[in-house]
């Protein structure tokens, strides 16, 4: 009996040891080449598999919406992957949902390896971005873009592939037809609009806007807010930064916009027109001016390749001031500082910073590159060269308004043109929302 009992105990112990050995292997684990070899961590602490293991995957998010521009970005990525076969670049182009997606990812501290900062490199994304000041391209930043993505401590937040320079896009043929010199002041712009409206018998819209895509209305206000309140020698820059701005000073800007509509200088269907109407109307010679960049050019030329589109600085609004551009980041690449593959992310960004690649991006976007020494040639190069010494100010809302005010400006500007609010009420709305959002 005792022998039987001891035999049972021995069997039990053997089974227990066997089970213990099994429990020490991860459940469901499969052995790979990397599992059986010791992988050496890189400078960022990343461990890359060797001997044909899985590729490193870099997620890249971009605000680019034009198909041609997306294709160029993918083409450059393919070239990068040929040189770096152990890295896979995966693009996402979320379009209008980009900001909302990035806000969710910021809240979860789970951002893409590389992402577009779309004008908010320092203010919104600064604490999530790696410092790129040690990268070989950092010293080549243009004089106008360097202060936009470099903070007071010298941290470089992103590579600016395309530098925005927004002014007024115009139909060269129409201005020649009506013998109009390029306006330099807002009063000259109004005079040109009157001449176009009168001599075309109302067939040509001096300035096109869309209430459906109300960013066009907000864009006009954003650009001219700089001309009225920031670029003049005597300005309200500090008052806005300190939160002590007298919002009654916004009323003249709102009044000028409303006057343009009342006088017939803005398309009569402004509240129902769409941004997508621009190419057709411009190609037909029915639009003279548009505030902002000529990003619509390719779509116009698909309809009428003979239309010549020009670009000029924004007219001044205050006596004694000069025309300006509003600009900064258009398309960028920044690296998430907590990304698992930070070294590879920096390497990818450096690849895009190569002069040939920057030229490809500049040509397809028809914008100047954010690095010096990039030789690009497109239909608007002559204008950027012509106005190379024109002052460039950052977007008004990105510097002087709290997050959330852009939407307020767009919607209330549309309500102004619908005549459901007055210019004074517009100013009061801006004041209320500025104070609420600033203290949020």
Protein backbone atom coordinates (compact mmCIF):
# COMPACT_ATOMS: atom_id res chain seq x y z
CA UNK A 1 0.00 0.00 0.00
CA UNK A 2 2.81 2.38 1.00
CA UNK A 3 4.71 1.52 -2.22
CA UNK A 4 1.61 2.27 -4.29
CA UNK A 5 1.18 5.63 -2.56
CA UNK A 6 4.83 6.60 -3.19
CA UNK A 7 4.54 5.60 -6.83
CA UNK A 8 1.50 7.85 -7.24
CA UNK A 9 3.36 10.78 -5.64
CA UNK A 10 6.31 10.26 -7.98
CA UNK A 11 4.05 10.27 -11.05
CA UNK A 12 2.32 13.43 -9.77
CA UNK A 13 5.66 15.23 -9.33
CA UNK A 14 6.81 14.29 -12.84
CA UNK A 15 3.57 15.64 -14.36
CA UNK A 16 3.82 18.87 -12.31
CA UNK A 17 7.37 19.58 -13.47
CA UNK A 18 6.35 19.02 -17.07
CA UNK A 19 3.40 21.37 -16.75
CA UNK A 20 5.58 24.00 -15.08
CA UNK A 21 7.98 23.90 -18.01
CA UNK A 22 5.11 24.41 -20.46
CA UNK A 23 3.71 27.35 -18.51
CA UNK A 24 6.97 29.28 -18.89
CA UNK A 25 6.57 29.53 -22.69
CA UNK A 26 4.32 32.42 -23.83
CA UNK A 27 0.87 31.27 -24.82
CA UNK A 28 0.42 31.17 -28.58
CA UNK A 29 4.00 32.28 -29.27
CA UNK A 30 5.58 31.28 -32.54
CA UNK A 31 9.29 31.25 -32.93
CA UNK A 32 10.75 33.46 -35.62
CA UNK A 33 14.27 34.16 -36.79
CA UNK A 34 14.36 37.19 -34.52
CA UNK A 35 13.29 35.08 -31.53
CA UNK A 36 16.33 32.84 -31.84
CA UNK A 37 18.84 35.64 -32.29
CA UNK A 38 19.86 38.55 -30.18
CA UNK A 39 18.86 41.76 -31.93
CA UNK A 40 21.01 44.79 -31.25
CA UNK A 41 19.05 47.92 -30.22
CA UNK A 42 19.68 51.12 -32.20
CA UNK A 43 20.37 54.57 -30.74
CA UNK A 44 16.68 55.13 -30.08
CA UNK A 45 16.32 51.83 -28.28
CA UNK A 46 14.54 50.19 -31.23
CA UNK A 47 15.17 46.54 -31.91
CA UNK A 48 15.09 45.61 -35.57
CA UNK A 49 14.73 41.99 -36.50
CA UNK A 50 17.54 40.40 -38.47
CA UNK A 51 17.81 37.46 -40.78
CA UNK A 52 14.66 38.27 -42.79
CA UNK A 53 12.27 39.06 -39.94
CA UNK A 54 9.22 41.32 -40.19
CA UNK A 55 9.70 44.77 -41.70
CA UNK A 56 9.62 47.93 -39.62
CA UNK A 57 6.38 49.72 -40.45
CA UNK A 58 6.29 53.52 -40.42
CA UNK A 59 2.86 55.12 -40.35
CA UNK A 60 2.69 58.48 -42.15
CA UNK A 61 -0.34 60.81 -41.95
CA UNK A 62 -0.72 63.73 -44.36
CA UNK A 63 -3.26 66.49 -45.05
CA UNK A 64 -2.59 66.33 -48.79
CA UNK A 65 -5.85 65.83 -50.71
CA UNK A 66 -4.86 66.26 -54.37
CA UNK A 67 -4.34 62.89 -56.04
CA UNK A 68 -1.33 64.07 -58.06
CA UNK A 69 0.41 65.28 -54.89
CA UNK A 70 -0.38 62.05 -53.05
CA UNK A 71 1.11 60.09 -55.93
CA UNK A 72 4.38 62.03 -55.72
CA UNK A 73 4.57 61.41 -51.96
CA UNK A 74 4.08 57.67 -52.58
CA UNK A 75 6.63 57.68 -55.39
CA UNK A 76 9.27 59.15 -53.09
CA UNK A 77 8.35 56.63 -50.38
CA UNK A 78 8.84 53.80 -52.87
CA UNK A 79 12.32 55.11 -53.66
CA UNK A 80 13.05 55.22 -49.93
CA UNK A 81 11.91 51.62 -49.46
CA UNK A 82 14.15 50.45 -52.31
CA UNK A 83 17.11 51.87 -50.42
CA UNK A 84 15.76 50.61 -47.08
CA UNK A 85 14.17 47.21 -47.81
CA UNK A 86 13.63 46.49 -44.11
CA UNK A 87 11.24 49.45 -43.77
CA UNK A 88 7.65 49.67 -44.97
CA UNK A 89 6.07 53.15 -45.31
CA UNK A 90 2.30 53.20 -44.87
CA UNK A 91 0.45 56.40 -45.84
CA UNK A 92 -2.88 57.69 -44.59
CA UNK A 93 -4.62 60.71 -46.21
CA UNK A 94 -7.72 61.29 -44.01
CA UNK A 95 -8.84 64.48 -45.80
CA UNK A 96 -11.32 66.61 -43.86
CA UNK A 97 -11.16 64.26 -40.86
CA UNK A 98 -7.42 64.80 -40.38
CA UNK A 99 -7.65 67.25 -37.47
CA UNK A 100 -10.25 65.25 -35.58
CA UNK A 101 -8.25 62.04 -35.98
CA UNK A 102 -5.04 63.70 -34.77
CA UNK A 103 -6.81 65.23 -31.76
CA UNK A 104 -8.00 61.76 -30.71
CA UNK A 105 -4.52 60.36 -31.19
CA UNK A 106 -2.98 63.19 -29.14
CA UNK A 107 -5.41 62.50 -26.31
CA UNK A 108 -4.36 58.83 -26.36
CA UNK A 109 -0.67 59.72 -26.86
CA UNK A 110 -0.65 57.33 -29.80
CA UNK A 111 0.38 59.32 -32.84
CA UNK A 112 1.66 58.25 -36.27
CA UNK A 113 5.41 57.84 -36.62
CA UNK A 114 5.48 60.77 -39.04
CA UNK A 115 2.69 63.31 -39.46
CA UNK A 116 1.77 66.61 -41.09
CA UNK A 117 1.56 69.53 -38.64
CA UNK A 118 -0.54 71.64 -41.08
CA UNK A 119 0.26 75.00 -39.50
CA UNK A 120 0.41 73.95 -35.86
CA UNK A 121 3.91 72.52 -35.44
CA UNK A 122 4.75 74.51 -32.32
CA UNK A 123 1.44 75.59 -30.81
CA UNK A 124 -0.58 72.37 -31.05
CA UNK A 125 1.85 69.53 -31.69
CA UNK A 126 5.05 70.87 -30.12
CA UNK A 127 5.16 68.58 -27.09
CA UNK A 128 4.59 65.49 -29.25
CA UNK A 129 7.33 66.18 -31.80
CA UNK A 130 10.98 65.16 -31.81
CA UNK A 131 13.59 67.88 -32.20
CA UNK A 132 15.00 67.79 -35.74
CA UNK A 133 17.58 70.55 -35.36
CA UNK A 134 20.44 68.03 -35.69
CA UNK A 135 19.24 66.87 -39.11
CA UNK A 136 21.41 67.79 -42.13
CA UNK A 137 18.59 69.76 -43.79
CA UNK A 138 17.73 71.90 -40.75
CA UNK A 139 20.34 74.57 -41.54
CA UNK A 140 18.87 74.94 -45.06
CA UNK A 141 15.44 76.22 -43.97
CA UNK A 142 14.29 79.36 -45.76
CA UNK A 143 14.41 82.61 -43.84
CA UNK A 144 10.61 82.90 -43.95
CA UNK A 145 9.89 79.35 -42.76
CA UNK A 146 12.57 78.94 -40.09
CA UNK A 147 10.81 81.04 -37.41
CA UNK A 148 7.51 79.28 -38.14
CA UNK A 149 8.71 75.81 -37.07
CA UNK A 150 11.61 76.75 -34.78
CA UNK A 151 10.84 77.76 -31.18
CA UNK A 152 12.71 80.15 -28.89
CA UNK A 153 14.94 77.32 -27.66
CA UNK A 154 16.01 76.40 -31.19
CA UNK A 155 13.94 73.21 -31.47
CA UNK A 156 13.05 72.43 -35.09
CA UNK A 157 9.63 70.80 -35.11
CA UNK A 158 9.14 69.71 -38.72
CA UNK A 159 10.42 69.64 -42.28
CA UNK A 160 8.34 72.09 -44.32
CA UNK A 161 8.12 70.51 -47.76
CA UNK A 162 5.80 73.18 -49.17
CA UNK A 163 5.77 76.73 -47.89
CA UNK A 164 2.45 78.55 -48.09
CA UNK A 165 2.38 82.05 -49.56
CA UNK A 166 -1.24 83.10 -49.83
CA UNK A 167 -2.20 86.34 -51.50
CA UNK A 168 -4.65 86.86 -54.35
CA UNK A 169 -4.94 84.57 -57.37
CA UNK A 170 -6.21 86.32 -60.49
CA UNK A 171 -7.19 85.83 -64.12
CA UNK A 172 -4.37 87.47 -66.10
CA UNK A 173 -6.43 87.61 -69.30
CA UNK A 174 -9.35 89.42 -67.64
CA UNK A 175 -7.17 92.08 -66.08
CA UNK A 176 -5.55 92.70 -69.46
CA UNK A 177 -8.95 92.79 -71.16
CA UNK A 178 -10.23 95.50 -68.82
CA UNK A 179 -6.86 97.30 -68.69
CA UNK A 180 -6.48 96.90 -64.93
CA UNK A 181 -3.15 97.32 -63.16
CA UNK A 182 -2.48 94.94 -60.27
CA UNK A 183 -4.06 96.57 -57.20
CA UNK A 184 -1.73 97.29 -54.29
CA UNK A 185 -4.27 98.75 -51.86
CA UNK A 186 -7.71 97.60 -50.82
CA UNK A 187 -9.23 100.73 -52.37
CA UNK A 188 -7.58 99.87 -55.68
CA UNK A 189 -9.01 96.34 -55.41
CA UNK A 190 -12.49 97.82 -54.94
CA UNK A 191 -11.97 100.15 -57.92
CA UNK A 192 -10.86 97.21 -60.08
CA UNK A 193 -13.91 95.23 -58.94
CA UNK A 194 -16.24 98.07 -59.90
CA UNK A 195 -14.67 98.34 -63.34
CA UNK A 196 -14.92 94.59 -63.96
CA UNK A 197 -18.53 94.43 -62.80
CA UNK A 198 -19.57 97.44 -64.89
CA UNK A 199 -17.71 96.72 -68.11
CA UNK A 200 -18.66 93.03 -68.12
CA UNK A 201 -22.32 93.91 -67.51
CA UNK A 202 -22.23 91.67 -64.46
CA UNK A 203 -21.03 88.65 -66.41
CA UNK A 204 -17.75 88.49 -64.48
CA UNK A 205 -17.58 88.06 -60.71
CA UNK A 206 -14.80 90.27 -59.33
CA UNK A 207 -14.28 88.07 -56.22
CA UNK A 208 -15.63 84.54 -55.77
CA UNK A 209 -16.59 83.03 -52.39
CA UNK A 210 -18.53 80.01 -51.19
CA UNK A 211 -20.92 79.91 -48.25
CA UNK A 212 -21.21 76.13 -48.54
CA UNK A 213 -17.43 75.77 -48.19
CA UNK A 214 -17.25 78.68 -45.77
CA UNK A 215 -13.51 78.34 -45.34
CA UNK A 216 -13.28 80.66 -48.35
CA UNK A 217 -15.07 83.37 -46.38
CA UNK A 218 -13.01 82.64 -43.29
CA UNK A 219 -9.89 82.71 -45.45
CA UNK A 220 -10.68 86.21 -46.73
CA UNK A 221 -11.19 87.45 -43.17
CA UNK A 222 -8.06 85.70 -41.91
CA UNK A 223 -5.84 87.22 -44.60
CA UNK A 224 -7.26 90.71 -44.31
CA UNK A 225 -7.18 90.62 -40.52
CA UNK A 226 -3.41 90.60 -40.90
CA UNK A 227 -3.54 93.50 -43.38
CA UNK A 228 -5.74 95.53 -41.04
CA UNK A 229 -4.43 94.63 -37.59
CA UNK A 230 -0.91 93.14 -37.86
CA UNK A 231 1.17 94.28 -40.85
CA UNK A 232 0.81 98.09 -40.42
CA UNK A 233 3.55 99.87 -38.49
CA UNK A 234 1.06 100.79 -35.78
CA UNK A 235 -0.71 97.51 -35.08
CA UNK A 236 -2.63 95.43 -32.53
CA UNK A 237 -0.26 92.47 -32.40
CA UNK A 238 0.58 92.74 -28.72
CA UNK A 239 -2.96 93.55 -27.64
CA UNK A 240 -4.20 90.36 -29.30
CA UNK A 241 -1.43 88.28 -27.73
CA UNK A 242 -2.17 89.78 -24.30
CA UNK A 243 -5.93 89.23 -24.65
CA UNK A 244 -6.59 92.98 -24.42
CA UNK A 245 -7.68 93.63 -28.01
CA UNK A 246 -10.56 96.05 -28.59
CA UNK A 247 -12.88 93.94 -30.74
CA UNK A 248 -14.66 97.03 -32.04
CA UNK A 249 -11.66 97.25 -34.38
CA UNK A 250 -12.94 94.10 -36.10
CA UNK A 251 -16.09 95.92 -37.25
CA UNK A 252 -14.46 97.81 -40.17
CA UNK A 253 -13.20 94.52 -41.65
CA UNK A 254 -16.66 92.94 -41.37
CA UNK A 255 -18.20 96.09 -42.88
CA UNK A 256 -15.85 96.01 -45.88
CA UNK A 257 -16.77 92.40 -46.59
CA UNK A 258 -20.47 93.20 -46.40
CA UNK A 259 -20.02 96.27 -48.61
CA UNK A 260 -18.35 94.14 -51.28
CA UNK A 261 -21.37 91.88 -51.36
CA UNK A 262 -23.82 94.79 -51.40
CA UNK A 263 -21.98 96.47 -54.30
CA UNK A 264 -21.99 93.29 -56.37
CA UNK A 265 -18.28 92.57 -56.11
CA UNK A 266 -18.92 89.05 -54.73
CA UNK A 267 -20.87 86.38 -56.63
CA UNK A 268 -24.60 86.79 -56.01
CA UNK A 269 -24.96 83.07 -55.22
CA UNK A 270 -22.28 83.24 -52.51
CA UNK A 271 -24.48 81.42 -49.98
CA UNK A 272 -25.15 78.43 -52.25
CA UNK A 273 -22.01 78.36 -54.41
CA UNK A 274 -19.42 75.62 -53.81
CA UNK A 275 -15.66 75.69 -53.92
CA UNK A 276 -15.91 73.00 -56.60
CA UNK A 277 -17.58 75.61 -58.86
CA UNK A 278 -14.29 77.53 -59.13
CA UNK A 279 -12.52 75.59 -61.94
CA UNK A 280 -15.47 75.77 -64.35
CA UNK A 281 -16.20 79.44 -63.73
CA UNK A 282 -12.56 80.46 -63.79
CA UNK A 283 -11.98 78.53 -67.02
CA UNK A 284 -14.94 80.35 -68.58
CA UNK A 285 -13.52 83.75 -67.63
CA UNK A 286 -16.24 84.47 -65.06
CA UNK A 287 -13.97 85.00 -62.02
CA UNK A 288 -11.33 87.74 -61.74
CA UNK A 289 -9.95 87.35 -58.20
CA UNK A 290 -9.72 84.67 -55.50
CA UNK A 291 -8.06 85.16 -52.12
CA UNK A 292 -5.58 82.41 -51.35
CA UNK A 293 -3.21 80.16 -53.27
CA UNK A 294 -3.86 79.04 -56.89
CA UNK A 295 -4.24 75.40 -55.86
CA UNK A 296 -7.15 75.09 -58.30
CA UNK A 297 -4.95 75.73 -61.37
CA UNK A 298 -4.68 72.16 -62.69
CA UNK A 299 -8.46 71.70 -62.57
CA UNK A 300 -8.92 74.95 -64.51
CA UNK A 301 -6.44 73.91 -67.19
CA UNK A 302 -8.17 70.57 -67.67
CA UNK A 303 -11.15 72.59 -68.86
CA UNK A 304 -9.33 75.44 -70.60
CA UNK A 305 -5.56 75.06 -70.94
CA UNK A 306 -5.23 78.57 -72.38
CA UNK A 307 -6.28 80.44 -69.24
CA UNK A 308 -3.35 82.19 -67.55
CA UNK A 309 -3.54 82.37 -63.78
CA UNK A 310 -1.46 84.89 -61.84
CA UNK A 311 -0.54 85.35 -58.20
CA UNK A 312 0.02 88.63 -56.36
CA UNK A 313 0.43 89.66 -52.72
CA UNK A 314 -2.55 90.61 -50.63
CA UNK A 315 -3.35 94.31 -50.96
CA UNK A 316 -2.65 96.58 -48.02
CA UNK A 317 -5.62 97.90 -46.06
CA UNK A 318 -4.07 100.70 -43.99
CA UNK A 319 -2.62 103.87 -45.52
CA UNK A 320 1.18 103.74 -45.67
CA UNK A 321 1.37 99.95 -45.44
CA UNK A 322 2.65 97.61 -48.18
CA UNK A 323 1.18 94.41 -49.73
CA UNK A 324 1.99 91.15 -47.94
CA UNK A 325 1.71 87.40 -48.19
CA UNK A 326 0.25 85.23 -45.46
CA UNK A 327 2.00 81.95 -45.09
CA UNK A 328 3.84 79.35 -43.12
CA UNK A 329 3.46 75.59 -43.11
CA UNK A 330 1.50 74.02 -45.93
CA UNK A 331 2.67 70.39 -46.06
CA UNK A 332 5.15 69.15 -43.48
CA UNK A 333 6.66 66.04 -41.93
CA UNK A 334 7.29 65.85 -38.19
CA UNK A 335 8.40 62.82 -36.15
CA UNK A 336 6.52 61.60 -33.07
CA UNK A 337 9.07 61.82 -30.26
CA UNK A 338 7.73 58.69 -28.52
CA UNK A 339 7.54 56.61 -31.69
CA UNK A 340 9.02 53.14 -31.53
CA UNK A 341 11.03 53.76 -34.69
CA UNK A 342 12.22 57.32 -34.22
CA UNK A 343 15.52 56.81 -36.01
CA UNK A 344 13.78 55.40 -39.07
CA UNK A 345 11.26 58.26 -38.96
CA UNK A 346 14.08 60.82 -39.03
CA UNK A 347 15.74 58.90 -41.84
CA UNK A 348 12.52 58.99 -43.88
CA UNK A 349 12.10 62.74 -43.33
CA UNK A 350 15.72 63.32 -44.35
CA UNK A 351 15.04 61.38 -47.56
CA UNK A 352 12.14 63.69 -48.42
CA UNK A 353 14.43 66.65 -47.67
CA UNK A 354 16.74 65.76 -50.54
CA UNK A 355 16.80 68.56 -53.12
CA UNK A 356 15.43 66.40 -55.96
CA UNK A 357 12.55 65.15 -53.85
CA UNK A 358 11.75 68.63 -52.53
CA UNK A 359 11.68 69.88 -56.13
CA UNK A 360 9.20 67.16 -57.11
CA UNK A 361 6.92 68.16 -54.22
CA UNK A 362 7.24 71.89 -55.01
CA UNK A 363 6.40 71.31 -58.67
CA UNK A 364 3.30 69.22 -58.07
CA UNK A 365 1.96 71.53 -55.33
CA UNK A 366 2.97 74.71 -57.22
CA UNK A 367 4.41 76.17 -54.03
CA UNK A 368 7.90 77.19 -52.95
CA UNK A 369 9.89 74.61 -50.98
CA UNK A 370 10.73 75.24 -47.35
CA UNK A 371 14.45 74.65 -47.94
CA UNK A 372 17.00 76.83 -49.70
CA UNK A 373 18.71 75.64 -52.86
CA UNK A 374 15.76 73.66 -54.21
CA UNK A 375 15.45 74.20 -57.95
CA UNK A 376 11.80 73.89 -58.91
CA UNK A 377 10.04 75.14 -61.99
CA UNK A 378 6.27 75.41 -62.34
CA UNK A 379 3.82 77.96 -63.68
CA UNK A 380 3.91 80.09 -60.52
CA UNK A 381 7.68 80.09 -60.01
CA UNK A 382 7.93 83.45 -61.78
CA UNK A 383 5.58 85.01 -59.26
CA UNK A 384 7.39 83.64 -56.22
CA UNK A 385 10.64 84.91 -57.70
CA UNK A 386 9.10 88.29 -58.46
CA UNK A 387 7.82 88.73 -54.91
CA UNK A 388 10.69 87.04 -53.11
CA UNK A 389 11.27 90.12 -50.93
CA UNK A 390 7.61 90.69 -50.05
CA UNK A 391 6.90 90.30 -46.34
CA UNK A 392 5.28 87.05 -45.23
CA UNK A 393 3.16 86.97 -42.06
CA UNK A 394 1.85 83.82 -40.35
CA UNK A 395 -1.85 83.03 -40.56
CA UNK A 396 -3.76 85.35 -38.24
CA UNK A 397 -5.84 82.67 -36.52
CA UNK A 398 -2.82 80.42 -35.86
CA UNK A 399 -1.03 83.10 -33.85
CA UNK A 400 -3.61 85.47 -32.40
CA UNK A 401 -6.79 83.41 -31.92
CA UNK A 402 -7.41 80.48 -29.56
CA UNK A 403 -8.19 77.04 -30.93
CA UNK A 404 -11.80 76.94 -32.11
CA UNK A 405 -12.01 80.51 -33.40
CA UNK A 406 -11.50 79.54 -37.03
CA UNK A 407 -14.91 77.88 -37.09
CA UNK A 408 -16.47 80.93 -35.41
CA UNK A 409 -14.94 83.25 -38.00
CA UNK A 410 -16.11 81.12 -40.95
CA UNK A 411 -19.68 80.63 -39.74
CA UNK A 412 -20.22 84.19 -38.53
CA UNK A 413 -18.70 85.56 -41.73
CA UNK A 414 -21.23 83.52 -43.70
CA UNK A 415 -24.03 84.79 -41.44
CA UNK A 416 -22.83 88.34 -42.16
CA UNK A 417 -23.20 87.82 -45.91
CA UNK A 418 -26.63 86.29 -45.28
CA UNK A 419 -27.39 89.53 -43.41
CA UNK A 420 -28.47 87.65 -40.30
CA UNK A 421 -25.81 89.45 -38.24
CA UNK A 422 -24.49 93.00 -38.52
CA UNK A 423 -20.79 93.95 -38.59
CA UNK A 424 -21.08 95.15 -34.98
CA UNK A 425 -22.72 91.89 -33.92
CA UNK A 426 -19.93 90.00 -35.70
CA UNK A 427 -17.37 91.85 -33.59
CA UNK A 428 -19.29 91.11 -30.41
CA UNK A 429 -19.45 87.41 -31.32
CA UNK A 430 -15.70 87.37 -31.92
CA UNK A 431 -15.11 89.04 -28.55
CA UNK A 432 -17.31 86.57 -26.65
CA UNK A 433 -15.80 83.49 -28.28
CA UNK A 434 -12.23 84.80 -28.00
CA UNK A 435 -12.64 85.24 -24.25
CA UNK A 436 -14.44 81.93 -23.77
CA UNK A 437 -11.98 79.83 -25.78
CA UNK A 438 -8.92 81.64 -24.48
CA UNK A 439 -9.86 80.81 -20.91
CA UNK A 440 -11.00 77.28 -21.68
